């Protein structure tokens, strides 16, 4: 478990997008 200051992996960096979405599940392939 990696503990971050964001809710999890988001679909975009909040620095660039006002609205982002949490990705609840991600494959190893997509993560790489």
ModelCIF file with pLDDT and N, C-alpha, C, O atoms, coordinates in Angstrom:
data_MODEL
#
_entry.id   MODEL 
#
_entity.id                         1 
_entity.type                       polymer 
_entity.pdbx_number_of_molecules   1 
#
_entity_poly.entity_id                      1 
_entity_poly.type                           'polypeptide(L)' 
_entity_poly.nstd_linkage                   no 
_entity_poly.nstd_monomer                   no 
_entity_poly.pdbx_seq_one_letter_code       
;(UNK)(UNK)(UNK)(UNK)(UNK)(UNK)(UNK)(UNK)(UNK)(UNK)(UNK)(UNK)(UNK)(UNK)(UNK)(UNK)
(UNK)(UNK)(UNK)(UNK)(UNK)(UNK)(UNK)(UNK)(UNK)(UNK)(UNK)(UNK)(UNK)(UNK)(UNK)(UNK)
;
_entity_poly.pdbx_seq_one_letter_code_can   XXXXXXXXXXXXXXXXXXXXXXXXXXXXXXXX 
_entity_poly.pdbx_strand_id                 A 
#
loop_
_entity_poly_seq.entity_id 
_entity_poly_seq.num 
_entity_poly_seq.mon_id 
_entity_poly_seq.hetero 
1 1  UNK n 
1 2  UNK n 
1 3  UNK n 
1 4  UNK n 
1 5  UNK n 
1 6  UNK n 
1 7  UNK n 
1 8  UNK n 
1 9  UNK n 
1 10 UNK n 
1 11 UNK n 
1 12 UNK n 
1 13 UNK n 
1 14 UNK n 
1 15 UNK n 
1 16 UNK n 
1 17 UNK n 
1 18 UNK n 
1 19 UNK n 
1 20 UNK n 
1 21 UNK n 
1 22 UNK n 
1 23 UNK n 
1 24 UNK n 
1 25 UNK n 
1 26 UNK n 
1 27 UNK n 
1 28 UNK n 
1 29 UNK n 
1 30 UNK n 
1 31 UNK n 
1 32 UNK n 
#
_struct_asym.id          A 
_struct_asym.entity_id   1 
#
loop_
_ma_qa_metric.id 
_ma_qa_metric.mode 
_ma_qa_metric.name 
_ma_qa_metric.software_group_id 
_ma_qa_metric.type 
1 global pLDDT . pLDDT 
2 local  pLDDT . pLDDT 
#
_ma_qa_metric_global.metric_id      1 
_ma_qa_metric_global.metric_value   89.00 
_ma_qa_metric_global.model_id       1 
_ma_qa_metric_global.ordinal_id     1 
#
loop_
_ma_qa_metric_local.label_asym_id 
_ma_qa_metric_local.label_comp_id 
_ma_qa_metric_local.label_seq_id 
_ma_qa_metric_local.metric_id 
_ma_qa_metric_local.metric_value 
_ma_qa_metric_local.model_id 
_ma_qa_metric_local.ordinal_id 
A UNK 1  2 97.00 1 1  
A UNK 2  2 97.00 1 2  
A UNK 3  2 97.00 1 3  
A UNK 4  2 94.00 1 4  
A UNK 5  2 91.00 1 5  
A UNK 6  2 90.00 1 6  
A UNK 7  2 92.00 1 7  
A UNK 8  2 92.00 1 8  
A UNK 9  2 90.00 1 9  
A UNK 10 2 90.00 1 10 
A UNK 11 2 89.00 1 11 
A UNK 12 2 87.00 1 12 
A UNK 13 2 83.00 1 13 
A UNK 14 2 80.00 1 14 
A UNK 15 2 80.00 1 15 
A UNK 16 2 79.00 1 16 
A UNK 17 2 81.00 1 17 
A UNK 18 2 79.00 1 18 
A UNK 19 2 84.00 1 19 
A UNK 20 2 87.00 1 20 
A UNK 21 2 89.00 1 21 
A UNK 22 2 91.00 1 22 
A UNK 23 2 91.00 1 23 
A UNK 24 2 92.00 1 24 
A UNK 25 2 93.00 1 25 
A UNK 26 2 92.00 1 26 
A UNK 27 2 92.00 1 27 
A UNK 28 2 92.00 1 28 
A UNK 29 2 90.00 1 29 
A UNK 30 2 90.00 1 30 
A UNK 31 2 90.00 1 31 
A UNK 32 2 87.00 1 32 
#
loop_
_atom_site.group_PDB 
_atom_site.id 
_atom_site.type_symbol 
_atom_site.label_atom_id 
_atom_site.label_alt_id 
_atom_site.label_comp_id 
_atom_site.label_asym_id 
_atom_site.label_entity_id 
_atom_site.label_seq_id 
_atom_site.pdbx_PDB_ins_code 
_atom_site.Cartn_x 
_atom_site.Cartn_y 
_atom_site.Cartn_z 
_atom_site.occupancy 
_atom_site.B_iso_or_equiv 
_atom_site.pdbx_formal_charge 
_atom_site.auth_seq_id 
_atom_site.auth_comp_id 
_atom_site.auth_asym_id 
_atom_site.auth_atom_id 
_atom_site.pdbx_PDB_model_num 
ATOM 1   N N  . UNK A 1 1  ? 0.846   -1.189 0.000   1.00 97.00 ? 1  UNK A N  1 
ATOM 2   C CA . UNK A 1 1  ? 0.000   0.000  0.000   1.00 97.00 ? 1  UNK A CA 1 
ATOM 3   C C  . UNK A 1 1  ? 0.878   1.233  0.000   1.00 97.00 ? 1  UNK A C  1 
ATOM 4   O O  . UNK A 1 1  ? 1.727   1.400  0.875   1.00 97.00 ? 1  UNK A O  1 
ATOM 5   N N  . UNK A 1 2  ? 0.673   2.101  -0.986  1.00 97.00 ? 2  UNK A N  1 
ATOM 6   C CA . UNK A 1 2  ? 1.362   3.382  -1.058  1.00 97.00 ? 2  UNK A CA 1 
ATOM 7   C C  . UNK A 1 2  ? 0.393   4.458  -0.593  1.00 97.00 ? 2  UNK A C  1 
ATOM 8   O O  . UNK A 1 2  ? -0.685  4.620  -1.165  1.00 97.00 ? 2  UNK A O  1 
ATOM 9   N N  . UNK A 1 3  ? 0.776   5.192  0.442   1.00 97.00 ? 3  UNK A N  1 
ATOM 10  C CA . UNK A 1 3  ? -0.086  6.213  1.027   1.00 97.00 ? 3  UNK A CA 1 
ATOM 11  C C  . UNK A 1 3  ? 0.290   7.571  0.437   1.00 97.00 ? 3  UNK A C  1 
ATOM 12  O O  . UNK A 1 3  ? 1.431   8.019  0.549   1.00 97.00 ? 3  UNK A O  1 
ATOM 13  N N  . UNK A 1 4  ? -0.702  8.220  -0.198  1.00 94.00 ? 4  UNK A N  1 
ATOM 14  C CA . UNK A 1 4  ? -0.474  9.471  -0.935  1.00 94.00 ? 4  UNK A CA 1 
ATOM 15  C C  . UNK A 1 4  ? -1.390  10.572 -0.394  1.00 94.00 ? 4  UNK A C  1 
ATOM 16  O O  . UNK A 1 4  ? -2.232  10.331 0.471   1.00 94.00 ? 4  UNK A O  1 
ATOM 17  N N  . UNK A 1 5  ? -1.204  11.785 -0.925  1.00 91.00 ? 5  UNK A N  1 
ATOM 18  C CA . UNK A 1 5  ? -2.069  12.894 -0.533  1.00 91.00 ? 5  UNK A CA 1 
ATOM 19  C C  . UNK A 1 5  ? -3.238  13.061 -1.505  1.00 91.00 ? 5  UNK A C  1 
ATOM 20  O O  . UNK A 1 5  ? -3.896  14.101 -1.514  1.00 91.00 ? 5  UNK A O  1 
ATOM 21  N N  . UNK A 1 6  ? -3.494  12.040 -2.319  1.00 90.00 ? 6  UNK A N  1 
ATOM 22  C CA . UNK A 1 6  ? -4.652  12.013 -3.224  1.00 90.00 ? 6  UNK A CA 1 
ATOM 23  C C  . UNK A 1 6  ? -5.474  10.771 -2.894  1.00 90.00 ? 6  UNK A C  1 
ATOM 24  O O  . UNK A 1 6  ? -4.961  9.849  -2.261  1.00 90.00 ? 6  UNK A O  1 
ATOM 25  N N  . UNK A 1 7  ? -6.746  10.728 -3.312  1.00 92.00 ? 7  UNK A N  1 
ATOM 26  C CA . UNK A 1 7  ? -7.609  9.599  -2.942  1.00 92.00 ? 7  UNK A CA 1 
ATOM 27  C C  . UNK A 1 7  ? -7.175  8.264  -3.515  1.00 92.00 ? 7  UNK A C  1 
ATOM 28  O O  . UNK A 1 7  ? -7.579  7.214  -3.016  1.00 92.00 ? 7  UNK A O  1 
ATOM 29  N N  . UNK A 1 8  ? -6.362  8.289  -4.552  1.00 92.00 ? 8  UNK A N  1 
ATOM 30  C CA . UNK A 1 8  ? -5.909  7.084  -5.252  1.00 92.00 ? 8  UNK A CA 1 
ATOM 31  C C  . UNK A 1 8  ? -5.338  7.524  -6.583  1.00 92.00 ? 8  UNK A C  1 
ATOM 32  O O  . UNK A 1 8  ? -4.871  8.655  -6.717  1.00 92.00 ? 8  UNK A O  1 
ATOM 33  N N  . UNK A 1 9  ? -5.372  6.645  -7.565  1.00 90.00 ? 9  UNK A N  1 
ATOM 34  C CA . UNK A 1 9  ? -4.938  7.018  -8.909  1.00 90.00 ? 9  UNK A CA 1 
ATOM 35  C C  . UNK A 1 9  ? -6.087  7.756  -9.581  1.00 90.00 ? 9  UNK A C  1 
ATOM 36  O O  . UNK A 1 9  ? -7.192  7.227  -9.702  1.00 90.00 ? 9  UNK A O  1 
ATOM 37  N N  . UNK A 1 10 ? -5.817  8.978  -10.015 1.00 90.00 ? 10 UNK A N  1 
ATOM 38  C CA . UNK A 1 10 ? -6.827  9.789  -10.692 1.00 90.00 ? 10 UNK A CA 1 
ATOM 39  C C  . UNK A 1 10 ? -6.583  9.745  -12.197 1.00 90.00 ? 10 UNK A C  1 
ATOM 40  O O  . UNK A 1 10 ? -5.490  9.402  -12.646 1.00 90.00 ? 10 UNK A O  1 
ATOM 41  N N  . UNK A 1 11 ? -7.597  10.088 -12.962 1.00 89.00 ? 11 UNK A N  1 
ATOM 42  C CA . UNK A 1 11 ? -7.452  10.032 -14.424 1.00 89.00 ? 11 UNK A CA 1 
ATOM 43  C C  . UNK A 1 11 ? -6.700  11.245 -14.975 1.00 89.00 ? 11 UNK A C  1 
ATOM 44  O O  . UNK A 1 11 ? -6.432  11.303 -16.175 1.00 89.00 ? 11 UNK A O  1 
ATOM 45  N N  . UNK A 1 12 ? -6.356  12.210 -14.125 1.00 87.00 ? 12 UNK A N  1 
ATOM 46  C CA . UNK A 1 12 ? -5.562  13.361 -14.538 1.00 87.00 ? 12 UNK A CA 1 
ATOM 47  C C  . UNK A 1 12 ? -5.003  14.025 -13.286 1.00 87.00 ? 12 UNK A C  1 
ATOM 48  O O  . UNK A 1 12 ? -5.537  13.862 -12.189 1.00 87.00 ? 12 UNK A O  1 
ATOM 49  N N  . UNK A 1 13 ? -3.937  14.763 -13.465 1.00 83.00 ? 13 UNK A N  1 
ATOM 50  C CA . UNK A 1 13 ? -3.327  15.485 -12.358 1.00 83.00 ? 13 UNK A CA 1 
ATOM 51  C C  . UNK A 1 13 ? -4.200  16.688 -12.007 1.00 83.00 ? 13 UNK A C  1 
ATOM 52  O O  . UNK A 1 13 ? -4.521  17.482 -12.891 1.00 83.00 ? 13 UNK A O  1 
ATOM 53  N N  . UNK A 1 14 ? -4.595  16.843 -10.730 1.00 80.00 ? 14 UNK A N  1 
ATOM 54  C CA . UNK A 1 14 ? -5.430  17.994 -10.340 1.00 80.00 ? 14 UNK A CA 1 
ATOM 55  C C  . UNK A 1 14 ? -4.783  19.341 -10.652 1.00 80.00 ? 14 UNK A C  1 
ATOM 56  O O  . UNK A 1 14 ? -5.474  20.358 -10.714 1.00 80.00 ? 14 UNK A O  1 
ATOM 57  N N  . UNK A 1 15 ? -3.455  19.358 -10.852 1.00 80.00 ? 15 UNK A N  1 
ATOM 58  C CA . UNK A 1 15 ? -2.800  20.612 -11.231 1.00 80.00 ? 15 UNK A CA 1 
ATOM 59  C C  . UNK A 1 15 ? -3.257  21.080 -12.611 1.00 80.00 ? 15 UNK A C  1 
ATOM 60  O O  . UNK A 1 15 ? -3.216  22.275 -12.905 1.00 80.00 ? 15 UNK A O  1 
ATOM 61  N N  . UNK A 1 16 ? -3.692  20.145 -13.461 1.00 79.00 ? 16 UNK A N  1 
ATOM 62  C CA . UNK A 1 16 ? -4.045  20.477 -14.836 1.00 79.00 ? 16 UNK A CA 1 
ATOM 63  C C  . UNK A 1 16 ? -5.553  20.456 -15.087 1.00 79.00 ? 16 UNK A C  1 
ATOM 64  O O  . UNK A 1 16 ? -6.041  21.117 -16.004 1.00 79.00 ? 16 UNK A O  1 
ATOM 65  N N  . UNK A 1 17 ? -6.287  19.700 -14.277 1.00 81.00 ? 17 UNK A N  1 
ATOM 66  C CA . UNK A 1 17 ? -7.731  19.570 -14.502 1.00 81.00 ? 17 UNK A CA 1 
ATOM 67  C C  . UNK A 1 17 ? -8.488  19.918 -13.219 1.00 81.00 ? 17 UNK A C  1 
ATOM 68  O O  . UNK A 1 17 ? -8.149  19.451 -12.132 1.00 81.00 ? 17 UNK A O  1 
ATOM 69  N N  . UNK A 1 18 ? -9.516  20.745 -13.372 1.00 79.00 ? 18 UNK A N  1 
ATOM 70  C CA . UNK A 1 18 ? -10.351 21.092 -12.217 1.00 79.00 ? 18 UNK A CA 1 
ATOM 71  C C  . UNK A 1 18 ? -11.175 19.900 -11.754 1.00 79.00 ? 18 UNK A C  1 
ATOM 72  O O  . UNK A 1 18 ? -11.443 19.749 -10.563 1.00 79.00 ? 18 UNK A O  1 
ATOM 73  N N  . UNK A 1 19 ? -11.576 19.055 -12.698 1.00 84.00 ? 19 UNK A N  1 
ATOM 74  C CA . UNK A 1 19 ? -12.395 17.890 -12.361 1.00 84.00 ? 19 UNK A CA 1 
ATOM 75  C C  . UNK A 1 19 ? -11.630 16.627 -12.738 1.00 84.00 ? 19 UNK A C  1 
ATOM 76  O O  . UNK A 1 19 ? -11.243 16.447 -13.892 1.00 84.00 ? 19 UNK A O  1 
ATOM 77  N N  . UNK A 1 20 ? -11.416 15.757 -11.759 1.00 87.00 ? 20 UNK A N  1 
ATOM 78  C CA . UNK A 1 20 ? -10.744 14.482 -11.999 1.00 87.00 ? 20 UNK A CA 1 
ATOM 79  C C  . UNK A 1 20 ? -11.610 13.351 -11.453 1.00 87.00 ? 20 UNK A C  1 
ATOM 80  O O  . UNK A 1 20 ? -12.509 13.573 -10.642 1.00 87.00 ? 20 UNK A O  1 
ATOM 81  N N  . UNK A 1 21 ? -11.325 12.142 -11.911 1.00 89.00 ? 21 UNK A N  1 
ATOM 82  C CA . UNK A 1 21 ? -12.080 10.975 -11.453 1.00 89.00 ? 21 UNK A CA 1 
ATOM 83  C C  . UNK A 1 21 ? -11.127 9.934  -10.875 1.00 89.00 ? 21 UNK A C  1 
ATOM 84  O O  . UNK A 1 21 ? -10.044 9.692  -11.407 1.00 89.00 ? 21 UNK A O  1 
ATOM 85  N N  . UNK A 1 22 ? -11.556 9.331  -9.783  1.00 91.00 ? 22 UNK A N  1 
ATOM 86  C CA . UNK A 1 22 ? -10.797 8.248  -9.172  1.00 91.00 ? 22 UNK A CA 1 
ATOM 87  C C  . UNK A 1 22 ? -10.962 6.977  -9.998  1.00 91.00 ? 22 UNK A C  1 
ATOM 88  O O  . UNK A 1 22 ? -12.075 6.614  -10.377 1.00 91.00 ? 22 UNK A O  1 
ATOM 89  N N  . UNK A 1 23 ? -9.850  6.309  -10.273 1.00 91.00 ? 23 UNK A N  1 
ATOM 90  C CA . UNK A 1 23 ? -9.884  5.007  -10.946 1.00 91.00 ? 23 UNK A CA 1 
ATOM 91  C C  . UNK A 1 23 ? -9.796  3.945  -9.862  1.00 91.00 ? 23 UNK A C  1 
ATOM 92  O O  . UNK A 1 23 ? -8.752  3.779  -9.231  1.00 91.00 ? 23 UNK A O  1 
ATOM 93  N N  . UNK A 1 24 ? -10.889 3.228  -9.647  1.00 92.00 ? 24 UNK A N  1 
ATOM 94  C CA . UNK A 1 24 ? -10.961 2.294  -8.519  1.00 92.00 ? 24 UNK A CA 1 
ATOM 95  C C  . UNK A 1 24 ? -10.102 1.051  -8.744  1.00 92.00 ? 24 UNK A C  1 
ATOM 96  O O  . UNK A 1 24 ? -9.542  0.497  -7.799  1.00 92.00 ? 24 UNK A O  1 
ATOM 97  N N  . UNK A 1 25 ? -10.001 0.617  -10.003 1.00 93.00 ? 25 UNK A N  1 
ATOM 98  C CA . UNK A 1 25 ? -9.236  -0.595 -10.305 1.00 93.00 ? 25 UNK A CA 1 
ATOM 99  C C  . UNK A 1 25 ? -8.419  -0.371 -11.570 1.00 93.00 ? 25 UNK A C  1 
ATOM 100 O O  . UNK A 1 25 ? -8.888  0.228  -12.538 1.00 93.00 ? 25 UNK A O  1 
ATOM 101 N N  . UNK A 1 26 ? -7.188  -0.866 -11.537 1.00 92.00 ? 26 UNK A N  1 
ATOM 102 C CA . UNK A 1 26 ? -6.249  -0.632 -12.623 1.00 92.00 ? 26 UNK A CA 1 
ATOM 103 C C  . UNK A 1 26 ? -5.465  -1.924 -12.824 1.00 92.00 ? 26 UNK A C  1 
ATOM 104 O O  . UNK A 1 26 ? -5.088  -2.585 -11.857 1.00 92.00 ? 26 UNK A O  1 
ATOM 105 N N  . UNK A 1 27 ? -5.223  -2.278 -14.072 1.00 92.00 ? 27 UNK A N  1 
ATOM 106 C CA . UNK A 1 27 ? -4.413  -3.463 -14.341 1.00 92.00 ? 27 UNK A CA 1 
ATOM 107 C C  . UNK A 1 27 ? -2.934  -3.114 -14.228 1.00 92.00 ? 27 UNK A C  1 
ATOM 108 O O  . UNK A 1 27 ? -2.553  -1.950 -14.353 1.00 92.00 ? 27 UNK A O  1 
ATOM 109 N N  . UNK A 1 28 ? -2.099  -4.134 -13.990 1.00 92.00 ? 28 UNK A N  1 
ATOM 110 C CA . UNK A 1 28 ? -0.652  -3.912 -14.010 1.00 92.00 ? 28 UNK A CA 1 
ATOM 111 C C  . UNK A 1 28 ? -0.232  -3.268 -15.331 1.00 92.00 ? 28 UNK A C  1 
ATOM 112 O O  . UNK A 1 28 ? 0.590   -2.352 -15.361 1.00 92.00 ? 28 UNK A O  1 
ATOM 113 N N  . UNK A 1 29 ? -0.819  -3.771 -16.428 1.00 90.00 ? 29 UNK A N  1 
ATOM 114 C CA . UNK A 1 29 ? -0.437  -3.274 -17.754 1.00 90.00 ? 29 UNK A CA 1 
ATOM 115 C C  . UNK A 1 29 ? -0.700  -1.782 -17.869 1.00 90.00 ? 29 UNK A C  1 
ATOM 116 O O  . UNK A 1 29 ? 0.183   -1.029 -18.279 1.00 90.00 ? 29 UNK A O  1 
ATOM 117 N N  . UNK A 1 30 ? -1.909  -1.344 -17.511 1.00 90.00 ? 30 UNK A N  1 
ATOM 118 C CA . UNK A 1 30 ? -2.232  0.073  -17.619 1.00 90.00 ? 30 UNK A CA 1 
ATOM 119 C C  . UNK A 1 30 ? -1.386  0.906  -16.655 1.00 90.00 ? 30 UNK A C  1 
ATOM 120 O O  . UNK A 1 30 ? -0.978  2.022  -16.978 1.00 90.00 ? 30 UNK A O  1 
ATOM 121 N N  . UNK A 1 31 ? -1.131  0.354  -15.474 1.00 90.00 ? 31 UNK A N  1 
ATOM 122 C CA . UNK A 1 31 ? -0.299  1.084  -14.514 1.00 90.00 ? 31 UNK A CA 1 
ATOM 123 C C  . UNK A 1 31 ? 1.107   1.308  -15.062 1.00 90.00 ? 31 UNK A C  1 
ATOM 124 O O  . UNK A 1 31 ? 1.670   2.392  -14.915 1.00 90.00 ? 31 UNK A O  1 
ATOM 125 N N  . UNK A 1 32 ? 1.674   0.276  -15.697 1.00 87.00 ? 32 UNK A N  1 
ATOM 126 C CA . UNK A 1 32 ? 3.005   0.416  -16.300 1.00 87.00 ? 32 UNK A CA 1 
ATOM 127 C C  . UNK A 1 32 ? 2.975   1.460  -17.410 1.00 87.00 ? 32 UNK A C  1 
ATOM 128 O O  . UNK A 1 32 ? 4.001   1.721  -18.039 1.00 87.00 ? 32 UNK A O  1 
#
